[in-house]
Amino acid sequence: MDYIPRLKKKYNEEVISNLRSNYKSVMQVPRLVKICLNQGVNAITDKKQLESAQQEMTIITGQKAVLTKSKKDISNFKLRKGMPVGVMVTLRGNNMYEFLDRLITSTLPRVRDFNGISTKGFDGRGNYTLGIKEQIAFPEISIDKINKVTGMDITFVTDTNSDEESLLLLTKLGLPFKKNDQEEKKREDEIKLKKEEKEKAAAEAKSKESENLVSETKETEDESDIEDEKIDTSNNLDDATQKDENISKD
């Protein structure tokens, strides 16, 4: 019996049956065509980084990564036509489903502060692009062996031109989209507002403490001036008394 990836089996047995009611024919049910991974590399200053990126991409996908080359000269970047500028891999068939399974179950939960992926990555033609900021999120990459932390783009290509249909398909396959980006934005705004209020209260408390310190210092100075005035008055009285006594003797 031929090996069938878990997600491919899920698509054939569950996803198609769940989406079948929305279409006249089973052939109209959207499907995932390919997954493209690409990573830009500044190979002009560090050529070893290109080799490292190619090796890491190969380990992550289990498929040989190919170099992408520039299509034109760009003098500002010291770039010549045909120079390598990145690496890419295109996954299809069983490799595609295996990678997607690992991405959902192992990689995304390892992303720092992960709370779901945004629904804003659709291009209007049914394709979705996801950005990974750190390649160390993939369990295949050892943090001790990397030279530089880099990111990559992962594009999911479907055979439909509708973003809504593509979103439904990817959700059924298991991609953890955020339930509501507006609610998430509202929550982030609330957190930001509370942080600003806390900083403002801390600044006001610090300012008030500074004012109290200045006031105490001023009061101390005023008390010192009063004491000095008393001493001066006392000295003046003593001088006047001494003068009267001298006059009296004369």
C-alpha atoms as a PDB file:
ATOM      1  CA  MET A   1       0.000   0.000   0.000  1.00  0.00           C
ATOM      2  CA  ASP A   2       1.368   3.431  -0.961  1.00  0.00           C
ATOM      3  CA  TYR A   3       2.088   5.928   1.793  1.00  0.00           C
ATOM      4  CA  ILE A   4      -0.414   8.814   2.035  1.00  0.00           C
ATOM      5  CA  PRO A   5       0.440  11.885   4.179  1.00  0.00           C
ATOM      6  CA  ARG A   6      -1.951  12.590   7.024  1.00  0.00           C
ATOM      7  CA  LEU A   7      -3.128  15.966   5.699  1.00  0.00           C
ATOM      8  CA  LYS A   8      -3.608  14.618   2.189  1.00  0.00           C
ATOM      9  CA  LYS A   9      -5.788  11.851   3.594  1.00  0.00           C
ATOM     10  CA  LYS A  10      -7.685  14.431   5.646  1.00  0.00           C
ATOM     11  CA  TYR A  11      -8.263  16.557   2.544  1.00  0.00           C
ATOM     12  CA  ASN A  12      -9.550  13.609   0.484  1.00  0.00           C
ATOM     13  CA  GLU A  13     -11.800  12.205   3.192  1.00  0.00           C
ATOM     14  CA  GLU A  14     -12.962  15.216   5.223  1.00  0.00           C
ATOM     15  CA  VAL A  15     -12.305  18.568   3.544  1.00  0.00           C
ATOM     16  CA  ILE A  16     -13.775  17.627   0.164  1.00  0.00           C
ATOM     17  CA  SER A  17     -16.930  16.193   1.774  1.00  0.00           C
ATOM     18  CA  ASN A  18     -17.327  19.322   3.964  1.00  0.00           C
ATOM     19  CA  LEU A  19     -16.942  21.749   1.040  1.00  0.00           C
ATOM     20  CA  ARG A  20     -18.774  19.636  -1.553  1.00  0.00           C
ATOM     21  CA  SER A  21     -22.181  21.185  -0.756  1.00  0.00           C
ATOM     22  CA  ASN A  22     -20.949  24.630  -1.894  1.00  0.00           C
ATOM     23  CA  TYR A  23     -20.213  23.477  -5.465  1.00  0.00           C
ATOM     24  CA  LYS A  24     -22.035  21.740  -8.281  1.00  0.00           C
ATOM     25  CA  SER A  25     -19.206  19.315  -8.954  1.00  0.00           C
ATOM     26  CA  VAL A  26     -16.561  17.756  -6.717  1.00  0.00           C
ATOM     27  CA  MET A  27     -13.946  18.965  -9.217  1.00  0.00           C
ATOM     28  CA  GLN A  28     -14.796  22.565  -8.281  1.00  0.00           C
ATOM     29  CA  VAL A  29     -13.702  22.099  -4.666  1.00  0.00           C
ATOM     30  CA  PRO A  30     -10.540  24.213  -4.201  1.00  0.00           C
ATOM     31  CA  ARG A  31      -7.277  22.418  -3.561  1.00  0.00           C
ATOM     32  CA  LEU A  32      -3.769  23.314  -2.558  1.00  0.00           C
ATOM     33  CA  VAL A  33      -1.527  23.270  -5.639  1.00  0.00           C
ATOM     34  CA  LYS A  34       1.922  24.070  -4.221  1.00  0.00           C
ATOM     35  CA  ILE A  35       3.821  25.724  -1.385  1.00  0.00           C
ATOM     36  CA  CYS A  36       6.680  28.092  -2.245  1.00  0.00           C
ATOM     37  CA  LEU A  37       9.368  29.066   0.248  1.00  0.00           C
ATOM     38  CA  ASN A  38      11.773  31.881  -0.537  1.00  0.00           C
ATOM     39  CA  GLN A  39      14.421  33.761   1.385  1.00  0.00           C
ATOM     40  CA  GLY A  40      16.414  36.817   0.368  1.00  0.00           C
ATOM     41  CA  VAL A  41      20.133  36.787   1.175  1.00  0.00           C
ATOM     42  CA  ASN A  42      22.726  39.567   1.003  1.00  0.00           C
ATOM     43  CA  ALA A  43      25.431  37.484  -0.635  1.00  0.00           C
ATOM     44  CA  ILE A  44      27.455  40.524  -1.754  1.00  0.00           C
ATOM     45  CA  THR A  45      28.990  41.132   1.672  1.00  0.00           C
ATOM     46  CA  ASP A  46      28.886  37.549   2.976  1.00  0.00           C
ATOM     47  CA  LYS A  47      29.001  34.668   0.488  1.00  0.00           C
ATOM     48  CA  LYS A  48      28.946  32.056   3.262  1.00  0.00           C
ATOM     49  CA  GLN A  49      25.487  33.270   4.244  1.00  0.00           C
ATOM     50  CA  LEU A  50      24.130  32.109   0.878  1.00  0.00           C
ATOM     51  CA  GLU A  51      25.498  28.602   1.363  1.00  0.00           C
ATOM     52  CA  SER A  52      24.142  28.515   4.915  1.00  0.00           C
ATOM     53  CA  ALA A  53      20.681  29.661   3.779  1.00  0.00           C
ATOM     54  CA  GLN A  54      20.611  27.040   1.022  1.00  0.00           C
ATOM     55  CA  GLN A  55      21.567  24.303   3.453  1.00  0.00           C
ATOM     56  CA  GLU A  56      19.002  25.392   6.050  1.00  0.00           C
ATOM     57  CA  MET A  57      16.218  25.593   3.467  1.00  0.00           C
ATOM     58  CA  THR A  58      17.092  22.096   2.247  1.00  0.00           C
ATOM     59  CA  ILE A  59      16.962  20.731   5.806  1.00  0.00           C
ATOM     60  CA  ILE A  60      13.627  22.445   6.530  1.00  0.00           C
ATOM     61  CA  THR A  61      11.828  21.225   3.402  1.00  0.00           C
ATOM     62  CA  GLY A  62      13.616  17.950   2.690  1.00  0.00           C
ATOM     63  CA  GLN A  63      14.092  19.119  -0.891  1.00  0.00           C
ATOM     64  CA  LYS A  64      17.115  20.675  -2.568  1.00  0.00           C
ATOM     65  CA  ALA A  65      16.912  24.490  -2.438  1.00  0.00           C
ATOM     66  CA  VAL A  66      17.781  26.388  -5.611  1.00  0.00           C
ATOM     67  CA  LEU A  67      19.437  29.791  -5.936  1.00  0.00           C
ATOM     68  CA  THR A  68      17.498  32.802  -7.188  1.00  0.00           C
ATOM     69  CA  LYS A  69      19.422  35.323  -9.271  1.00  0.00           C
ATOM     70  CA  SER A  70      18.929  39.008  -9.948  1.00  0.00           C
ATOM     71  CA  LYS A  71      17.236  39.924 -13.229  1.00  0.00           C
ATOM     72  CA  LYS A  72      18.848  43.327 -13.682  1.00  0.00           C
ATOM     73  CA  ASP A  73      21.704  45.560 -12.562  1.00  0.00           C
ATOM     74  CA  ILE A  74      21.152  47.820  -9.540  1.00  0.00           C
ATOM     75  CA  SER A  75      24.116  50.110  -8.940  1.00  0.00           C
ATOM     76  CA  ASN A  76      22.927  51.384  -5.545  1.00  0.00           C
ATOM     77  CA  PHE A  77      23.109  47.843  -4.162  1.00  0.00           C
ATOM     78  CA  LYS A  78      26.271  46.933  -6.095  1.00  0.00           C
ATOM     79  CA  LEU A  79      24.197  44.264  -7.793  1.00  0.00           C
ATOM     80  CA  ARG A  80      24.894  42.766 -11.200  1.00  0.00           C
ATOM     81  CA  LYS A  81      22.502  40.833 -13.380  1.00  0.00           C
ATOM     82  CA  GLY A  82      22.762  37.106 -12.691  1.00  0.00           C
ATOM     83  CA  MET A  83      24.173  37.425  -9.161  1.00  0.00           C
ATOM     84  CA  PRO A  84      22.590  35.112  -6.521  1.00  0.00           C
ATOM     85  CA  VAL A  85      20.266  37.035  -4.194  1.00  0.00           C
ATOM     86  CA  GLY A  86      18.365  34.292  -2.392  1.00  0.00           C
ATOM     87  CA  VAL A  87      17.164  30.703  -2.200  1.00  0.00           C
ATOM     88  CA  MET A  88      13.790  29.103  -2.883  1.00  0.00           C
ATOM     89  CA  VAL A  89      11.970  25.780  -2.819  1.00  0.00           C
ATOM     90  CA  THR A  90       8.696  24.763  -4.470  1.00  0.00           C
ATOM     91  CA  LEU A  91       6.866  21.839  -2.841  1.00  0.00           C
ATOM     92  CA  ARG A  92       4.164  19.741  -4.486  1.00  0.00           C
ATOM     93  CA  GLY A  93       2.394  16.461  -3.814  1.00  0.00           C
ATOM     94  CA  ASN A  94       3.331  14.441  -0.733  1.00  0.00           C
ATOM     95  CA  ASN A  95       6.257  16.721   0.157  1.00  0.00           C
ATOM     96  CA  MET A  96       3.879  19.679   0.243  1.00  0.00           C
ATOM     97  CA  TYR A  97       1.438  17.986   2.632  1.00  0.00           C
ATOM     98  CA  GLU A  98       4.248  16.698   4.851  1.00  0.00           C
ATOM     99  CA  PHE A  99       5.754  20.184   5.139  1.00  0.00           C
ATOM    100  CA  LEU A 100       2.346  21.733   5.877  1.00  0.00           C
ATOM    101  CA  ASP A 101       1.745  19.138   8.602  1.00  0.00           C
ATOM    102  CA  ARG A 102       5.084  19.931  10.262  1.00  0.00           C
ATOM    103  CA  LEU A 103       4.448  23.675   9.900  1.00  0.00           C
ATOM    104  CA  ILE A 104       1.082  23.469  11.679  1.00  0.00           C
ATOM    105  CA  THR A 105       1.985  21.010  14.424  1.00  0.00           C
ATOM    106  CA  SER A 106       5.624  21.883  15.203  1.00  0.00           C
ATOM    107  CA  THR A 107       6.786  25.202  13.732  1.00  0.00           C
ATOM    108  CA  LEU A 108       4.012  27.728  14.365  1.00  0.00           C
ATOM    109  CA  PRO A 109       3.631  26.795  18.076  1.00  0.00           C
ATOM    110  CA  ARG A 110       7.366  27.559  18.478  1.00  0.00           C
ATOM    111  CA  VAL A 111       7.011  31.102  17.101  1.00  0.00           C
ATOM    112  CA  ARG A 112       7.582  33.733  19.779  1.00  0.00           C
ATOM    113  CA  ASP A 113       4.367  35.316  21.147  1.00  0.00           C
ATOM    114  CA  PHE A 114       2.283  33.364  18.634  1.00  0.00           C
ATOM    115  CA  ASN A 115      -1.475  33.942  18.853  1.00  0.00           C
ATOM    116  CA  GLY A 116      -2.648  32.968  15.378  1.00  0.00           C
ATOM    117  CA  ILE A 117      -1.819  34.056  11.845  1.00  0.00           C
ATOM    118  CA  SER A 118      -3.388  37.085  10.208  1.00  0.00           C
ATOM    119  CA  THR A 119      -5.922  36.887   7.405  1.00  0.00           C
ATOM    120  CA  LYS A 120      -4.353  39.906   5.662  1.00  0.00           C
ATOM    121  CA  GLY A 121      -1.841  37.865   3.662  1.00  0.00           C
ATOM    122  CA  PHE A 122      -4.136  37.049   0.730  1.00  0.00           C
ATOM    123  CA  ASP A 123      -3.281  38.559  -2.646  1.00  0.00           C
ATOM    124  CA  GLY A 124      -6.820  38.788  -4.059  1.00  0.00           C
ATOM    125  CA  ARG A 125      -6.356  35.722  -6.281  1.00  0.00           C
ATOM    126  CA  GLY A 126      -6.685  32.950  -3.707  1.00  0.00           C
ATOM    127  CA  ASN A 127      -3.015  32.772  -2.701  1.00  0.00           C
ATOM    128  CA  TYR A 128      -1.815  33.327   0.853  1.00  0.00           C
ATOM    129  CA  THR A 129       1.662  34.417   2.016  1.00  0.00           C
ATOM    130  CA  LEU A 130       2.919  33.857   5.540  1.00  0.00           C
ATOM    131  CA  GLY A 131       6.086  35.449   6.929  1.00  0.00           C
ATOM    132  CA  ILE A 132       8.391  33.659   9.381  1.00  0.00           C
ATOM    133  CA  LYS A 133      10.748  36.084  11.142  1.00  0.00           C
ATOM    134  CA  GLU A 134      13.165  33.515  12.588  1.00  0.00           C
ATOM    135  CA  GLN A 135      14.214  30.270  10.949  1.00  0.00           C
ATOM    136  CA  ILE A 136      14.965  28.801  14.376  1.00  0.00           C
ATOM    137  CA  ALA A 137      11.197  28.285  14.777  1.00  0.00           C
ATOM    138  CA  PHE A 138      11.650  25.164  12.641  1.00  0.00           C
ATOM    139  CA  PRO A 139      12.656  22.248  14.894  1.00  0.00           C
ATOM    140  CA  GLU A 140      15.006  20.965  12.164  1.00  0.00           C
ATOM    141  CA  ILE A 141      17.296  23.980  12.711  1.00  0.00           C
ATOM    142  CA  SER A 142      19.720  23.930  15.639  1.00  0.00           C
ATOM    143  CA  ILE A 143      20.266  27.366  17.153  1.00  0.00           C
ATOM    144  CA  ASP A 144      23.884  26.459  17.942  1.00  0.00           C
ATOM    145  CA  LYS A 145      24.742  25.885  14.291  1.00  0.00           C
ATOM    146  CA  ILE A 146      23.284  29.008  12.671  1.00  0.00           C
ATOM    147  CA  ASN A 147      25.376  32.025  11.713  1.00  0.00           C
ATOM    148  CA  LYS A 148      22.581  34.586  11.536  1.00  0.00           C
ATOM    149  CA  VAL A 149      18.889  34.687  12.423  1.00  0.00           C
ATOM    150  CA  THR A 150      16.904  35.272   9.229  1.00  0.00           C
ATOM    151  CA  GLY A 151      13.310  34.953   8.076  1.00  0.00           C
ATOM    152  CA  MET A 152      11.481  33.651   5.044  1.00  0.00           C
ATOM    153  CA  ASP A 153       8.194  33.886   3.146  1.00  0.00           C
ATOM    154  CA  ILE A 154       5.896  30.891   2.691  1.00  0.00           C
ATOM    155  CA  THR A 155       3.288  31.151  -0.072  1.00  0.00           C
ATOM    156  CA  PHE A 156       0.318  28.787  -0.342  1.00  0.00           C
ATOM    157  CA  VAL A 157      -0.932  28.595  -3.931  1.00  0.00           C
ATOM    158  CA  THR A 158      -4.486  27.318  -4.536  1.00  0.00           C
ATOM    159  CA  ASP A 159      -6.458  26.697  -7.720  1.00  0.00           C
ATOM    160  CA  THR A 160      -9.164  29.217  -6.824  1.00  0.00           C
ATOM    161  CA  ASN A 161      -9.284  32.970  -7.470  1.00  0.00           C
ATOM    162  CA  SER A 162     -11.387  33.698  -4.376  1.00  0.00           C
ATOM    163  CA  ASP A 163      -9.728  34.716  -1.115  1.00  0.00           C
ATOM    164  CA  GLU A 164     -12.792  33.565   0.844  1.00  0.00           C
ATOM    165  CA  GLU A 165     -12.669  30.068  -0.657  1.00  0.00           C
ATOM    166  CA  SER A 166      -8.917  29.889  -0.117  1.00  0.00           C
ATOM    167  CA  LEU A 167      -9.300  30.980   3.520  1.00  0.00           C
ATOM    168  CA  LEU A 168     -11.930  28.301   4.095  1.00  0.00           C
ATOM    169  CA  LEU A 169      -9.723  25.639   2.498  1.00  0.00           C
ATOM    170  CA  LEU A 170      -6.621  26.540   4.524  1.00  0.00           C
ATOM    171  CA  THR A 171      -8.678  26.730   7.718  1.00  0.00           C
ATOM    172  CA  LYS A 172     -10.056  23.237   7.072  1.00  0.00           C
ATOM    173  CA  LEU A 173      -6.508  21.979   6.510  1.00  0.00           C
ATOM    174  CA  GLY A 174      -5.575  23.291   9.966  1.00  0.00           C
ATOM    175  CA  LEU A 175      -3.842  26.662   9.577  1.00  0.00           C
ATOM    176  CA  PRO A 176      -4.543  28.590  12.826  1.00  0.00           C
ATOM    177  CA  PHE A 177      -5.981  31.882  11.568  1.00  0.00           C
ATOM    178  CA  LYS A 178      -6.995  34.549  14.040  1.00  0.00           C
ATOM    179  CA  LYS A 179     -10.705  34.455  14.739  1.00  0.00           C
ATOM    180  CA  ASN A 180     -11.163  38.183  14.386  1.00  0.00           C
ATOM    181  CA  ASP A 181      -8.419  40.639  13.453  1.00  0.00           C
ATOM    182  CA  GLN A 182     -10.603  43.567  14.573  1.00  0.00           C
ATOM    183  CA  GLU A 183     -11.011  42.091  18.043  1.00  0.00           C
ATOM    184  CA  GLU A 184      -7.296  41.393  18.177  1.00  0.00           C
ATOM    185  CA  LYS A 185      -6.524  44.994  17.133  1.00  0.00           C
ATOM    186  CA  LYS A 186      -8.958  46.262  19.767  1.00  0.00           C
ATOM    187  CA  ARG A 187      -7.227  44.141  22.411  1.00  0.00           C
ATOM    188  CA  GLU A 188      -3.792  45.415  21.353  1.00  0.00           C
ATOM    189  CA  ASP A 189      -5.073  49.020  21.472  1.00  0.00           C
ATOM    190  CA  GLU A 190      -6.411  48.440  24.999  1.00  0.00           C
ATOM    191  CA  ILE A 191      -3.057  47.017  26.119  1.00  0.00           C
ATOM    192  CA  LYS A 192      -1.258  49.977  24.538  1.00  0.00           C
ATOM    193  CA  LEU A 193      -3.651  52.462  26.218  1.00  0.00           C
ATOM    194  CA  LYS A 194      -3.166  50.849  29.622  1.00  0.00           C
ATOM    195  CA  LYS A 195       0.597  50.955  29.152  1.00  0.00           C
ATOM    196  CA  GLU A 196       0.472  54.653  28.216  1.00  0.00           C
ATOM    197  CA  GLU A 197      -1.748  55.418  31.241  1.00  0.00           C
ATOM    198  CA  LYS A 198       0.651  53.541  33.509  1.00  0.00           C
ATOM    199  CA  GLU A 199       3.637  55.457  32.110  1.00  0.00           C
ATOM    200  CA  LYS A 200       1.739  58.750  32.472  1.00  0.00           C
ATOM    201  CA  ALA A 201       0.838  57.962  36.100  1.00  0.00           C
ATOM    202  CA  ALA A 202       4.465  57.055  36.831  1.00  0.00           C
ATOM    203  CA  ALA A 203       5.639  60.322  35.242  1.00  0.00           C
ATOM    204  CA  GLU A 204       3.094  62.336  37.257  1.00  0.00           C
ATOM    205  CA  ALA A 205       4.140  60.587  40.476  1.00  0.00           C
ATOM    206  CA  LYS A 206       7.777  61.315  39.720  1.00  0.00           C
ATOM    207  CA  SER A 207       6.972  64.957  38.927  1.00  0.00           C
ATOM    208  CA  LYS A 208       4.942  65.291  42.147  1.00  0.00           C
ATOM    209  CA  GLU A 209       7.777  63.735  44.153  1.00  0.00           C
ATOM    210  CA  SER A 210      10.202  66.193  42.572  1.00  0.00           C
ATOM    211  CA  GLU A 211       7.887  69.130  43.422  1.00  0.00           C
ATOM    212  CA  ASN A 212       7.583  67.935  47.040  1.00  0.00           C
ATOM    213  CA  LEU A 213      11.357  67.686  47.258  1.00  0.00           C
ATOM    214  CA  VAL A 214      11.733  71.230  45.920  1.00  0.00           C
ATOM    215  CA  SER A 215       9.058  72.468  48.341  1.00  0.00           C
ATOM    216  CA  GLU A 216      10.770  70.800  51.321  1.00  0.00           C
ATOM    217  CA  THR A 217      14.093  72.267  50.259  1.00  0.00           C
ATOM    218  CA  LYS A 218      12.506  75.735  49.990  1.00  0.00           C
ATOM    219  CA  GLU A 219      10.882  75.381  53.432  1.00  0.00           C
ATOM    220  CA  THR A 220      14.223  74.365  54.891  1.00  0.00           C
ATOM    221  CA  GLU A 221      15.858  77.393  53.280  1.00  0.00           C
ATOM    222  CA  ASP A 222      13.082  79.682  54.597  1.00  0.00           C
ATOM    223  CA  GLU A 223      13.497  78.306  58.126  1.00  0.00           C
ATOM    224  CA  SER A 224      17.225  78.849  57.852  1.00  0.00           C
ATOM    225  CA  ASP A 225      16.650  82.456  56.699  1.00  0.00           C
ATOM    226  CA  ILE A 226      14.287  83.056  59.654  1.00  0.00           C
ATOM    227  CA  GLU A 227      16.873  81.726  62.091  1.00  0.00           C
ATOM    228  CA  ASP A 228      19.484  83.968  60.506  1.00  0.00           C
ATOM    229  CA  GLU A 229      17.144  86.964  60.839  1.00  0.00           C
ATOM    230  CA  LYS A 230      16.553  86.141  64.523  1.00  0.00           C
ATOM    231  CA  ILE A 231      20.273  85.926  65.111  1.00  0.00           C
ATOM    232  CA  ASP A 232      20.795  89.260  63.315  1.00  0.00           C
ATOM    233  CA  THR A 233      18.011  90.887  65.359  1.00  0.00           C
ATOM    234  CA  SER A 234      19.454  89.513  68.553  1.00  0.00           C
ATOM    235  CA  ASN A 235      22.902  90.833  67.647  1.00  0.00           C
ATOM    236  CA  ASN A 236      21.433  94.244  66.814  1.00  0.00           C
ATOM    237  CA  LEU A 237      19.648  94.364  70.189  1.00  0.00           C
ATOM    238  CA  ASP A 238      22.860  93.413  71.965  1.00  0.00           C
ATOM    239  CA  ASP A 239      24.727  96.141  70.098  1.00  0.00           C
ATOM    240  CA  ALA A 240      22.053  98.724  70.959  1.00  0.00           C
ATOM    241  CA  THR A 241      22.092  97.717  74.637  1.00  0.00           C
ATOM    242  CA  GLN A 242      25.860  97.921  74.754  1.00  0.00           C
ATOM    243  CA  LYS A 243      25.719 101.363  73.137  1.00  0.00           C
ATOM    244  CA  ASP A 244      23.156 102.594  75.710  1.00  0.00           C
ATOM    245  CA  GLU A 245      25.327 101.346  78.505  1.00  0.00           C
ATOM    246  CA  ASN A 246      28.341 103.183  77.113  1.00  0.00           C
ATOM    247  CA  ILE A 247      26.355 106.411  76.793  1.00  0.00           C
ATOM    248  CA  SER A 248      25.109 105.979  80.321  1.00  0.00           C
ATOM    249  CA  LYS A 249      28.658 105.598  81.639  1.00  0.00           C
ATOM    250  CA  ASP A 250      29.775 108.668  79.813  1.00  0.00           C
END
